[in-house]
Amino acid sequence: MPLFAANQIIGEGPTAVHLFEVPKAA
């Protein structure tokens, strides 16, 4: 996925964590 589409980004730079929301049904 393109990182800019993340629902939440924690931190900055190379070590930033990009979180994408997953349906609980998945």
mmCIF file of all heavy atoms, coordinates in Angstrom:
data_MODEL
# 
_entry.id   MODEL 
# 
loop_
_atom_site.group_PDB 
_atom_site.id 
_atom_site.type_symbol 
_atom_site.label_atom_id 
_atom_site.label_alt_id 
_atom_site.label_comp_id 
_atom_site.label_asym_id 
_atom_site.label_entity_id 
_atom_site.label_seq_id 
_atom_site.pdbx_PDB_ins_code 
_atom_site.Cartn_x 
_atom_site.Cartn_y 
_atom_site.Cartn_z 
_atom_site.occupancy 
_atom_site.B_iso_or_equiv 
_atom_site.pdbx_formal_charge 
_atom_site.auth_seq_id 
_atom_site.auth_comp_id 
_atom_site.auth_asym_id 
_atom_site.auth_atom_id 
_atom_site.pdbx_PDB_model_num 
ATOM 1   N N   . MET A 1 1  ? 0.849   -1.193  0.000  1.00 0.00 ? 1  MET A N   1 
ATOM 2   C CA  . MET A 1 1  ? 0.000   0.000   0.000  1.00 0.00 ? 1  MET A CA  1 
ATOM 3   C C   . MET A 1 1  ? 0.884   1.241   0.000  1.00 0.00 ? 1  MET A C   1 
ATOM 4   O O   . MET A 1 1  ? 1.989   1.235   0.559  1.00 0.00 ? 1  MET A O   1 
ATOM 5   C CB  . MET A 1 1  ? -0.891  0.022   1.245  1.00 0.00 ? 1  MET A CB  1 
ATOM 6   C CG  . MET A 1 1  ? -1.933  -1.086  1.309  1.00 0.00 ? 1  MET A CG  1 
ATOM 7   S SD  . MET A 1 1  ? -3.343  -0.802  0.212  1.00 0.00 ? 1  MET A SD  1 
ATOM 8   C CE  . MET A 1 1  ? -4.224  0.475   1.129  1.00 0.00 ? 1  MET A CE  1 
ATOM 9   N N   . PRO A 1 2  ? 0.415   2.341   -0.604 1.00 0.00 ? 2  PRO A N   1 
ATOM 10  C CA  . PRO A 1 2  ? 1.162   3.596   -0.466 1.00 0.00 ? 2  PRO A CA  1 
ATOM 11  C C   . PRO A 1 2  ? 1.121   4.052   0.983  1.00 0.00 ? 2  PRO A C   1 
ATOM 12  O O   . PRO A 1 2  ? 0.056   4.071   1.612  1.00 0.00 ? 2  PRO A O   1 
ATOM 13  C CB  . PRO A 1 2  ? 0.416   4.559   -1.405 1.00 0.00 ? 2  PRO A CB  1 
ATOM 14  C CG  . PRO A 1 2  ? -0.916  3.945   -1.637 1.00 0.00 ? 2  PRO A CG  1 
ATOM 15  C CD  . PRO A 1 2  ? -0.762  2.470   -1.477 1.00 0.00 ? 2  PRO A CD  1 
ATOM 16  N N   . LEU A 1 3  ? 2.260   4.400   1.524  1.00 0.00 ? 3  LEU A N   1 
ATOM 17  C CA  . LEU A 1 3  ? 2.338   4.758   2.940  1.00 0.00 ? 3  LEU A CA  1 
ATOM 18  C C   . LEU A 1 3  ? 1.500   5.987   3.277  1.00 0.00 ? 3  LEU A C   1 
ATOM 19  O O   . LEU A 1 3  ? 1.000   6.113   4.398  1.00 0.00 ? 3  LEU A O   1 
ATOM 20  C CB  . LEU A 1 3  ? 3.795   4.987   3.340  1.00 0.00 ? 3  LEU A CB  1 
ATOM 21  C CG  . LEU A 1 3  ? 4.666   3.723   3.422  1.00 0.00 ? 3  LEU A CG  1 
ATOM 22  C CD1 . LEU A 1 3  ? 6.111   4.097   3.692  1.00 0.00 ? 3  LEU A CD1 1 
ATOM 23  C CD2 . LEU A 1 3  ? 4.152   2.773   4.496  1.00 0.00 ? 3  LEU A CD2 1 
ATOM 24  N N   . PHE A 1 4  ? 1.311   6.877   2.310  1.00 0.00 ? 4  PHE A N   1 
ATOM 25  C CA  . PHE A 1 4  ? 0.535   8.081   2.609  1.00 0.00 ? 4  PHE A CA  1 
ATOM 26  C C   . PHE A 1 4  ? -0.932  7.756   2.902  1.00 0.00 ? 4  PHE A C   1 
ATOM 27  O O   . PHE A 1 4  ? -1.656  8.579   3.464  1.00 0.00 ? 4  PHE A O   1 
ATOM 28  C CB  . PHE A 1 4  ? 0.627   9.092   1.458  1.00 0.00 ? 4  PHE A CB  1 
ATOM 29  C CG  . PHE A 1 4  ? -0.059  8.653   0.183  1.00 0.00 ? 4  PHE A CG  1 
ATOM 30  C CD1 . PHE A 1 4  ? -1.445  8.744   0.044  1.00 0.00 ? 4  PHE A CD1 1 
ATOM 31  C CD2 . PHE A 1 4  ? 0.680   8.161   -0.880 1.00 0.00 ? 4  PHE A CD2 1 
ATOM 32  C CE1 . PHE A 1 4  ? -2.077  8.352   -1.129 1.00 0.00 ? 4  PHE A CE1 1 
ATOM 33  C CE2 . PHE A 1 4  ? 0.049   7.749   -2.050 1.00 0.00 ? 4  PHE A CE2 1 
ATOM 34  C CZ  . PHE A 1 4  ? -1.330  7.849   -2.165 1.00 0.00 ? 4  PHE A CZ  1 
ATOM 35  N N   . ALA A 1 5  ? -1.371  6.541   2.531  1.00 0.00 ? 5  ALA A N   1 
ATOM 36  C CA  . ALA A 1 5  ? -2.767  6.153   2.740  1.00 0.00 ? 5  ALA A CA  1 
ATOM 37  C C   . ALA A 1 5  ? -3.007  5.589   4.138  1.00 0.00 ? 5  ALA A C   1 
ATOM 38  O O   . ALA A 1 5  ? -4.131  5.182   4.461  1.00 0.00 ? 5  ALA A O   1 
ATOM 39  C CB  . ALA A 1 5  ? -3.189  5.132   1.694  1.00 0.00 ? 5  ALA A CB  1 
ATOM 40  N N   . ALA A 1 6  ? -1.981  5.541   4.981  1.00 0.00 ? 6  ALA A N   1 
ATOM 41  C CA  . ALA A 1 6  ? -2.125  4.982   6.327  1.00 0.00 ? 6  ALA A CA  1 
ATOM 42  C C   . ALA A 1 6  ? -3.166  5.749   7.124  1.00 0.00 ? 6  ALA A C   1 
ATOM 43  O O   . ALA A 1 6  ? -3.308  6.968   6.996  1.00 0.00 ? 6  ALA A O   1 
ATOM 44  C CB  . ALA A 1 6  ? -0.782  5.002   7.052  1.00 0.00 ? 6  ALA A CB  1 
ATOM 45  N N   . ASN A 1 7  ? -3.900  5.035   7.971  1.00 0.00 ? 7  ASN A N   1 
ATOM 46  C CA  . ASN A 1 7  ? -4.889  5.671   8.840  1.00 0.00 ? 7  ASN A CA  1 
ATOM 47  C C   . ASN A 1 7  ? -4.229  6.397   10.006 1.00 0.00 ? 7  ASN A C   1 
ATOM 48  O O   . ASN A 1 7  ? -4.793  7.351   10.551 1.00 0.00 ? 7  ASN A O   1 
ATOM 49  C CB  . ASN A 1 7  ? -5.863  4.637   9.388  1.00 0.00 ? 7  ASN A CB  1 
ATOM 50  C CG  . ASN A 1 7  ? -6.650  3.942   8.293  1.00 0.00 ? 7  ASN A CG  1 
ATOM 51  O OD1 . ASN A 1 7  ? -6.345  2.816   7.922  1.00 0.00 ? 7  ASN A OD1 1 
ATOM 52  N ND2 . ASN A 1 7  ? -7.650  4.616   7.765  1.00 0.00 ? 7  ASN A ND2 1 
ATOM 53  N N   . GLN A 1 8  ? -3.042  5.934   10.389 1.00 0.00 ? 8  GLN A N   1 
ATOM 54  C CA  . GLN A 1 8  ? -2.312  6.575   11.488 1.00 0.00 ? 8  GLN A CA  1 
ATOM 55  C C   . GLN A 1 8  ? -0.824  6.437   11.253 1.00 0.00 ? 8  GLN A C   1 
ATOM 56  O O   . GLN A 1 8  ? -0.347  5.373   10.851 1.00 0.00 ? 8  GLN A O   1 
ATOM 57  C CB  . GLN A 1 8  ? -2.696  5.936   12.824 1.00 0.00 ? 8  GLN A CB  1 
ATOM 58  C CG  . GLN A 1 8  ? -2.030  6.587   14.031 1.00 0.00 ? 8  GLN A CG  1 
ATOM 59  C CD  . GLN A 1 8  ? -2.394  5.907   15.334 1.00 0.00 ? 8  GLN A CD  1 
ATOM 60  O OE1 . GLN A 1 8  ? -3.044  4.865   15.334 1.00 0.00 ? 8  GLN A OE1 1 
ATOM 61  N NE2 . GLN A 1 8  ? -1.972  6.471   16.460 1.00 0.00 ? 8  GLN A NE2 1 
ATOM 62  N N   . ILE A 1 9  ? -0.086  7.509   11.488 1.00 0.00 ? 9  ILE A N   1 
ATOM 63  C CA  . ILE A 1 9  ? 1.370   7.495   11.368 1.00 0.00 ? 9  ILE A CA  1 
ATOM 64  C C   . ILE A 1 9  ? 1.961   7.903   12.709 1.00 0.00 ? 9  ILE A C   1 
ATOM 65  O O   . ILE A 1 9  ? 1.653   8.973   13.239 1.00 0.00 ? 9  ILE A O   1 
ATOM 66  C CB  . ILE A 1 9  ? 1.861   8.450   10.259 1.00 0.00 ? 9  ILE A CB  1 
ATOM 67  C CG1 . ILE A 1 9  ? 1.250   8.052   8.913  1.00 0.00 ? 9  ILE A CG1 1 
ATOM 68  C CG2 . ILE A 1 9  ? 3.394   8.432   10.177 1.00 0.00 ? 9  ILE A CG2 1 
ATOM 69  C CD1 . ILE A 1 9  ? 1.590   9.009   7.779  1.00 0.00 ? 9  ILE A CD1 1 
ATOM 70  N N   . ILE A 1 10 ? 2.779   7.026   13.265 1.00 0.00 ? 10 ILE A N   1 
ATOM 71  C CA  . ILE A 1 10 ? 3.409   7.282   14.556 1.00 0.00 ? 10 ILE A CA  1 
ATOM 72  C C   . ILE A 1 10 ? 4.893   7.535   14.324 1.00 0.00 ? 10 ILE A C   1 
ATOM 73  O O   . ILE A 1 10 ? 5.608   6.686   13.784 1.00 0.00 ? 10 ILE A O   1 
ATOM 74  C CB  . ILE A 1 10 ? 3.222   6.093   15.506 1.00 0.00 ? 10 ILE A CB  1 
ATOM 75  C CG1 . ILE A 1 10 ? 1.724   5.809   15.709 1.00 0.00 ? 10 ILE A CG1 1 
ATOM 76  C CG2 . ILE A 1 10 ? 3.899   6.358   16.846 1.00 0.00 ? 10 ILE A CG2 1 
ATOM 77  C CD1 . ILE A 1 10 ? 1.457   4.552   16.495 1.00 0.00 ? 10 ILE A CD1 1 
ATOM 78  N N   . GLY A 1 11 ? 5.383   8.684   14.737 1.00 0.00 ? 11 GLY A N   1 
ATOM 79  C CA  . GLY A 1 11 ? 6.786   9.013   14.542 1.00 0.00 ? 11 GLY A CA  1 
ATOM 80  C C   . GLY A 1 11 ? 7.032   9.675   13.198 1.00 0.00 ? 11 GLY A C   1 
ATOM 81  O O   . GLY A 1 11 ? 6.111   9.950   12.424 1.00 0.00 ? 11 GLY A O   1 
ATOM 82  N N   . GLU A 1 12 ? 8.298   9.896   12.914 1.00 0.00 ? 12 GLU A N   1 
ATOM 83  C CA  . GLU A 1 12 ? 8.698   10.560  11.678 1.00 0.00 ? 12 GLU A CA  1 
ATOM 84  C C   . GLU A 1 12 ? 9.921   9.866   11.090 1.00 0.00 ? 12 GLU A C   1 
ATOM 85  O O   . GLU A 1 12 ? 10.623  9.109   11.771 1.00 0.00 ? 12 GLU A O   1 
ATOM 86  C CB  . GLU A 1 12 ? 9.024   12.041  11.938 1.00 0.00 ? 12 GLU A CB  1 
ATOM 87  C CG  . GLU A 1 12 ? 7.853   12.861  12.443 1.00 0.00 ? 12 GLU A CG  1 
ATOM 88  C CD  . GLU A 1 12 ? 8.229   14.309  12.689 1.00 0.00 ? 12 GLU A CD  1 
ATOM 89  O OE1 . GLU A 1 12 ? 9.430   14.641  12.558 1.00 0.00 ? 12 GLU A OE1 1 
ATOM 90  O OE2 . GLU A 1 12 ? 7.339   15.109  13.011 1.00 0.00 ? 12 GLU A OE2 1 
ATOM 91  N N   . GLY A 1 13 ? 10.177  10.156  9.836  1.00 0.00 ? 13 GLY A N   1 
ATOM 92  C CA  . GLY A 1 13 ? 11.385  9.663   9.188  1.00 0.00 ? 13 GLY A CA  1 
ATOM 93  C C   . GLY A 1 13 ? 11.344  8.176   8.912  1.00 0.00 ? 13 GLY A C   1 
ATOM 94  O O   . GLY A 1 13 ? 10.277  7.548   8.874  1.00 0.00 ? 13 GLY A O   1 
ATOM 95  N N   . PRO A 1 14 ? 12.527  7.571   8.727  1.00 0.00 ? 14 PRO A N   1 
ATOM 96  C CA  . PRO A 1 14 ? 12.618  6.160   8.330  1.00 0.00 ? 14 PRO A CA  1 
ATOM 97  C C   . PRO A 1 14 ? 11.989  5.186   9.310  1.00 0.00 ? 14 PRO A C   1 
ATOM 98  O O   . PRO A 1 14 ? 11.576  4.097   8.929  1.00 0.00 ? 14 PRO A O   1 
ATOM 99  C CB  . PRO A 1 14 ? 14.134  5.932   8.223  1.00 0.00 ? 14 PRO A CB  1 
ATOM 100 C CG  . PRO A 1 14 ? 14.736  7.279   8.058  1.00 0.00 ? 14 PRO A CG  1 
ATOM 101 C CD  . PRO A 1 14 ? 13.851  8.208   8.825  1.00 0.00 ? 14 PRO A CD  1 
ATOM 102 N N   . THR A 1 15 ? 11.924  5.562   10.599 1.00 0.00 ? 15 THR A N   1 
ATOM 103 C CA  . THR A 1 15 ? 11.405  4.625   11.599 1.00 0.00 ? 15 THR A CA  1 
ATOM 104 C C   . THR A 1 15 ? 9.918   4.846   11.893 1.00 0.00 ? 15 THR A C   1 
ATOM 105 O O   . THR A 1 15 ? 9.369   4.216   12.796 1.00 0.00 ? 15 THR A O   1 
ATOM 106 C CB  . THR A 1 15 ? 12.199  4.751   12.908 1.00 0.00 ? 15 THR A CB  1 
ATOM 107 O OG1 . THR A 1 15 ? 12.088  6.096   13.400 1.00 0.00 ? 15 THR A OG1 1 
ATOM 108 C CG2 . THR A 1 15 ? 13.669  4.412   12.681 1.00 0.00 ? 15 THR A CG2 1 
ATOM 109 N N   . ALA A 1 16 ? 9.267   5.715   11.153 1.00 0.00 ? 16 ALA A N   1 
ATOM 110 C CA  . ALA A 1 16 ? 7.844   5.971   11.378 1.00 0.00 ? 16 ALA A CA  1 
ATOM 111 C C   . ALA A 1 16 ? 7.032   4.693   11.188 1.00 0.00 ? 16 ALA A C   1 
ATOM 112 O O   . ALA A 1 16 ? 7.339   3.860   10.334 1.00 0.00 ? 16 ALA A O   1 
ATOM 113 C CB  . ALA A 1 16 ? 7.347   7.062   10.436 1.00 0.00 ? 16 ALA A CB  1 
ATOM 114 N N   . VAL A 1 17 ? 5.993   4.543   12.001 1.00 0.00 ? 17 VAL A N   1 
ATOM 115 C CA  . VAL A 1 17 ? 5.114   3.375   11.929 1.00 0.00 ? 17 VAL A CA  1 
ATOM 116 C C   . VAL A 1 17 ? 3.823   3.784   11.232 1.00 0.00 ? 17 VAL A C   1 
ATOM 117 O O   . VAL A 1 17 ? 3.139   4.720   11.667 1.00 0.00 ? 17 VAL A O   1 
ATOM 118 C CB  . VAL A 1 17 ? 4.811   2.821   13.332 1.00 0.00 ? 17 VAL A CB  1 
ATOM 119 C CG1 . VAL A 1 17 ? 3.796   1.683   13.250 1.00 0.00 ? 17 VAL A CG1 1 
ATOM 120 C CG2 . VAL A 1 17 ? 6.105   2.356   13.990 1.00 0.00 ? 17 VAL A CG2 1 
ATOM 121 N N   . HIS A 1 18 ? 3.482   3.079   10.144 1.00 0.00 ? 18 HIS A N   1 
ATOM 122 C CA  . HIS A 1 18 ? 2.286   3.379   9.361  1.00 0.00 ? 18 HIS A CA  1 
ATOM 123 C C   . HIS A 1 18 ? 1.253   2.287   9.608  1.00 0.00 ? 18 HIS A C   1 
ATOM 124 O O   . HIS A 1 18 ? 1.475   1.125   9.258  1.00 0.00 ? 18 HIS A O   1 
ATOM 125 C CB  . HIS A 1 18 ? 2.626   3.472   7.884  1.00 0.00 ? 18 HIS A CB  1 
ATOM 126 C CG  . HIS A 1 18 ? 3.562   4.592   7.534  1.00 0.00 ? 18 HIS A CG  1 
ATOM 127 N ND1 . HIS A 1 18 ? 4.916   4.531   7.790  1.00 0.00 ? 18 HIS A ND1 1 
ATOM 128 C CD2 . HIS A 1 18 ? 3.325   5.807   6.980  1.00 0.00 ? 18 HIS A CD2 1 
ATOM 129 C CE1 . HIS A 1 18 ? 5.480   5.665   7.390  1.00 0.00 ? 18 HIS A CE1 1 
ATOM 130 N NE2 . HIS A 1 18 ? 4.548   6.453   6.898  1.00 0.00 ? 18 HIS A NE2 1 
ATOM 131 N N   . LEU A 1 19 ? 0.150   2.673   10.229 1.00 0.00 ? 19 LEU A N   1 
ATOM 132 C CA  . LEU A 1 19 ? -0.892  1.719   10.610 1.00 0.00 ? 19 LEU A CA  1 
ATOM 133 C C   . LEU A 1 19 ? -2.107  1.854   9.693  1.00 0.00 ? 19 LEU A C   1 
ATOM 134 O O   . LEU A 1 19 ? -2.578  2.971   9.420  1.00 0.00 ? 19 LEU A O   1 
ATOM 135 C CB  . LEU A 1 19 ? -1.313  1.947   12.057 1.00 0.00 ? 19 LEU A CB  1 
ATOM 136 C CG  . LEU A 1 19 ? -0.218  1.737   13.117 1.00 0.00 ? 19 LEU A CG  1 
ATOM 137 C CD1 . LEU A 1 19 ? -0.748  2.097   14.499 1.00 0.00 ? 19 LEU A CD1 1 
ATOM 138 C CD2 . LEU A 1 19 ? 0.295   0.306   13.094 1.00 0.00 ? 19 LEU A CD2 1 
ATOM 139 N N   . PHE A 1 20 ? -2.605  0.700   9.254  1.00 0.00 ? 20 PHE A N   1 
ATOM 140 C CA  . PHE A 1 20 ? -3.791  0.648   8.402  1.00 0.00 ? 20 PHE A CA  1 
ATOM 141 C C   . PHE A 1 20 ? -4.895  -0.097  9.150  1.00 0.00 ? 20 PHE A C   1 
ATOM 142 O O   . PHE A 1 20 ? -4.661  -1.153  9.734  1.00 0.00 ? 20 PHE A O   1 
ATOM 143 C CB  . PHE A 1 20 ? -3.468  -0.068  7.089  1.00 0.00 ? 20 PHE A CB  1 
ATOM 144 C CG  . PHE A 1 20 ? -2.592  0.724   6.164  1.00 0.00 ? 20 PHE A CG  1 
ATOM 145 C CD1 . PHE A 1 20 ? -1.229  0.880   6.429  1.00 0.00 ? 20 PHE A CD1 1 
ATOM 146 C CD2 . PHE A 1 20 ? -3.113  1.328   5.031  1.00 0.00 ? 20 PHE A CD2 1 
ATOM 147 C CE1 . PHE A 1 20 ? -0.415  1.612   5.579  1.00 0.00 ? 20 PHE A CE1 1 
ATOM 148 C CE2 . PHE A 1 20 ? -2.308  2.061   4.167  1.00 0.00 ? 20 PHE A CE2 1 
ATOM 149 C CZ  . PHE A 1 20 ? -0.955  2.201   4.441  1.00 0.00 ? 20 PHE A CZ  1 
ATOM 150 N N   . GLU A 1 21 ? -6.088  0.454   9.114  1.00 0.00 ? 21 GLU A N   1 
ATOM 151 C CA  . GLU A 1 21 ? -7.213  -0.146  9.825  1.00 0.00 ? 21 GLU A CA  1 
ATOM 152 C C   . GLU A 1 21 ? -7.692  -1.406  9.109  1.00 0.00 ? 21 GLU A C   1 
ATOM 153 O O   . GLU A 1 21 ? -7.955  -1.392  7.905  1.00 0.00 ? 21 GLU A O   1 
ATOM 154 C CB  . GLU A 1 21 ? -8.356  0.864   9.932  1.00 0.00 ? 21 GLU A CB  1 
ATOM 155 C CG  . GLU A 1 21 ? -9.530  0.366   10.748 1.00 0.00 ? 21 GLU A CG  1 
ATOM 156 C CD  . GLU A 1 21 ? -10.598 1.421   10.922 1.00 0.00 ? 21 GLU A CD  1 
ATOM 157 O OE1 . GLU A 1 21 ? -10.270 2.624   10.763 1.00 0.00 ? 21 GLU A OE1 1 
ATOM 158 O OE2 . GLU A 1 21 ? -11.749 1.053   11.205 1.00 0.00 ? 21 GLU A OE2 1 
ATOM 159 N N   . VAL A 1 22 ? -7.796  -2.492  9.871  1.00 0.00 ? 22 VAL A N   1 
ATOM 160 C CA  . VAL A 1 22 ? -8.251  -3.774  9.344  1.00 0.00 ? 22 VAL A CA  1 
ATOM 161 C C   . VAL A 1 22 ? -9.633  -4.079  9.906  1.00 0.00 ? 22 VAL A C   1 
ATOM 162 O O   . VAL A 1 22 ? -9.821  -4.007  11.136 1.00 0.00 ? 22 VAL A O   1 
ATOM 163 C CB  . VAL A 1 22 ? -7.279  -4.913  9.732  1.00 0.00 ? 22 VAL A CB  1 
ATOM 164 C CG1 . VAL A 1 22 ? -7.749  -6.239  9.155  1.00 0.00 ? 22 VAL A CG1 1 
ATOM 165 C CG2 . VAL A 1 22 ? -5.881  -4.608  9.257  1.00 0.00 ? 22 VAL A CG2 1 
ATOM 166 N N   . PRO A 1 23 ? -10.616 -4.412  9.088  1.00 0.00 ? 23 PRO A N   1 
ATOM 167 C CA  . PRO A 1 23 ? -11.932 -4.773  9.640  1.00 0.00 ? 23 PRO A CA  1 
ATOM 168 C C   . PRO A 1 23 ? -11.808 -5.969  10.584 1.00 0.00 ? 23 PRO A C   1 
ATOM 169 O O   . PRO A 1 23 ? -11.068 -6.916  10.303 1.00 0.00 ? 23 PRO A O   1 
ATOM 170 C CB  . PRO A 1 23 ? -12.746 -5.136  8.388  1.00 0.00 ? 23 PRO A CB  1 
ATOM 171 C CG  . PRO A 1 23 ? -12.023 -4.504  7.248  1.00 0.00 ? 23 PRO A CG  1 
ATOM 172 C CD  . PRO A 1 23 ? -10.582 -4.483  7.622  1.00 0.00 ? 23 PRO A CD  1 
ATOM 173 N N   . LYS A 1 24 ? -12.516 -5.922  11.689 1.00 0.00 ? 24 LYS A N   1 
ATOM 174 C CA  . LYS A 1 24 ? -12.451 -7.033  12.627 1.00 0.00 ? 24 LYS A CA  1 
ATOM 175 C C   . LYS A 1 24 ? -12.934 -8.328  11.993 1.00 0.00 ? 24 LYS A C   1 
ATOM 176 O O   . LYS A 1 24 ? -12.501 -9.428  12.370 1.00 0.00 ? 24 LYS A O   1 
ATOM 177 C CB  . LYS A 1 24 ? -13.257 -6.705  13.881 1.00 0.00 ? 24 LYS A CB  1 
ATOM 178 C CG  . LYS A 1 24 ? -12.622 -5.589  14.713 1.00 0.00 ? 24 LYS A CG  1 
ATOM 179 C CD  . LYS A 1 24 ? -13.426 -5.304  15.975 1.00 0.00 ? 24 LYS A CD  1 
ATOM 180 C CE  . LYS A 1 24 ? -12.742 -4.209  16.795 1.00 0.00 ? 24 LYS A CE  1 
ATOM 181 N NZ  . LYS A 1 24 ? -13.503 -3.876  18.018 1.00 0.00 ? 24 LYS A NZ  1 
ATOM 182 N N   . ALA A 1 25 ? -13.818 -8.199  11.012 1.00 0.00 ? 25 ALA A N   1 
ATOM 183 C CA  . ALA A 1 25 ? -14.316 -9.390  10.323 1.00 0.00 ? 25 ALA A CA  1 
ATOM 184 C C   . ALA A 1 25 ? -13.222 -10.090 9.534  1.00 0.00 ? 25 ALA A C   1 
ATOM 185 O O   . ALA A 1 25 ? -13.356 -11.267 9.184  1.00 0.00 ? 25 ALA A O   1 
ATOM 186 C CB  . ALA A 1 25 ? -15.466 -9.009  9.395  1.00 0.00 ? 25 ALA A CB  1 
ATOM 187 N N   . ALA A 1 26 ? -12.124 -9.371  9.242  1.00 0.00 ? 26 ALA A N   1 
ATOM 188 C CA  . ALA A 1 26 ? -11.025 -9.964  8.481  1.00 0.00 ? 26 ALA A CA  1 
ATOM 189 C C   . ALA A 1 26 ? -10.127 -10.832 9.345  1.00 0.00 ? 26 ALA A C   1 
ATOM 190 O O   . ALA A 1 26 ? -9.267  -11.543 8.836  1.00 0.00 ? 26 ALA A O   1 
ATOM 191 C CB  . ALA A 1 26 ? -10.195 -8.878  7.806  1.00 0.00 ? 26 ALA A CB  1 
# 
